[in-house]
Structures are given as C-alpha cells and as structure tokens.
C-alpha cells in the first residue's frame, strides 16, 4: 500500500520545483554566503505587506505562536514555516505508523521528500484559502473574488519560496536547517526591534519610545526623578521594558549552556550503546 502511494504521487513529484544537489563540495565561505542570501530573502518577505488586504489590525488568533512559526502578520510570511512543519510531521507519522512504506533506497527517499514537498504545497493553499475566507484580511464579499484569489496566490508563492529556501539549506548549500534558521532569525529580529525601536507611543504618562534601551536613555534624560525613571524603564507596563530584555538574555544563556554541554542519556542494548541527545527543535 505504501509503495503504491509513493508511485501514485511520482508523476506529480517530477514536475515540482527542486533544488539540485551540489556537484562538488561547498566551501564554508560559500555556505555563509548562501545562508546570508537565504536570510535576506526571508527578512524581505517578512516586511512586504500583502497586496489587497483591507485590514490586519483586528485581533490576531495566532499571536502567541507566530514566534515559533516564524510568521509575520499581514506580510508575505503570514504562514511562516507552518506548512513545512505540518507536512513533515504528518508524513513522518504516516511513515512511522507504516501507513506508507519508505525504503532505504535513494529512489524511495527522493519520492518521500517529493511527497512531503507536494503535501506542503497543498497545505499552503489550504491555509491561504482558510485565512482569506474567514475574514482575516477583511470581508471576502467586500474585497471581491479577484482580490481574494490574488491574496491566495501571494501566500502560495511565498510558501513555495520558504519550501525552496529550506530545501536549499538541506541540500548542503547553507549552514543549519531552514526551520531552525527562520525561527532564530524571526526571534532575533523581534528582540532587536523591541530593544532599539525608535517608534513612539502615546501613553497616559506622555510620549515614550517603544524600544526598551532607547526608552531607558529617554526617561533618564527627561525625568527629574532619576530613580523613578529607572523604575519605569525596568518595569513599565504594555511596552517592552528592561526586565523583559534581561529575562530574554538569561533564557538564551541557559539554552546555549545546555546545548553546548550536550546532555545525553546512554542506553546499553546488548553490545550496542544508544545515545539520546535532548534539547532540540523536535517539539516544534
């Protein structure tokens, strides 16, 4: 049954866009360059707003998971890595449950990867349709069928770009995996913006800077009571503060410590030793 399934999708896999494997060893400097290009494309897509949307200022139901999905609302990266993660998870579960059989030959692995990519594209289209039809970008009746189709096409093309960028790194052209890289990039971008944002917000206490570090210097320079100014910079509500930034740095330090020290568990099975290394992005 599993082999039949892979054979059924074989004609579709042959027409899918694919990144060719490198014919030579990629030097480290080239990997750094390709990784930088990948990140640049991803960050540009994170800043390009979707054309045709009426409003993206309503309540965001995915606000708390956008960090781990590397998505940015109202932009080409609206879906982020969710199609990749979802398709990979489902295909791995199907293969692990023996619902589909995947052999160890390069042909079977190529078919499986092609099926995963095809499924990711289908999920991208499905998510785009659901986002548009549920009114995330405005009432579909007011937007019009043509604009709705245009938004779906934009999300699909952006999702395809993410799939190809991830495949580019997996084929050995870059450093690391696309999923980890996109998540880390999205988090770092958010941290830098929340720390150094020059945007101003009109609060009940007056106009303040959004960035926590810029707000620190602004409050100390403008407030006559320096102790109160420091207290506001560290503990102010509804805006990024220094305690948020310090807590983030502490979490980063703890994660890096555990990652570098590689906490392992050894299990003796006969004459073989199995090593389990924890602390990875598998939970995502």
Foldseek 3Di string as FASTA:
>chain_A
DQVVVLVVCVVVLVPDDADDFDPDAADQVQQAVLLVVLLVVLVVQLPAFQPLFDDQPDDDPCVVVCLLQLAHPRGLRNRRCVLLVVLVVVLVVCCVVVVHDADPDPVSVSSSVSSSLVSSLVVQLVVLLVCLPVQNRHHCVVSDPVSSVSRSVSNSVSSSSLVRSQNCVVSPSHDDGSSVSSSVSSVVVVLVCQQDPQDWDQDPVGIAGQHLPVRLVVLCVPPPPNVVSLVCQADPPPGDHVVVNVVVVVVVVVLVVCVVVFDWDWDDDPPDIDIDTDRDPVVD
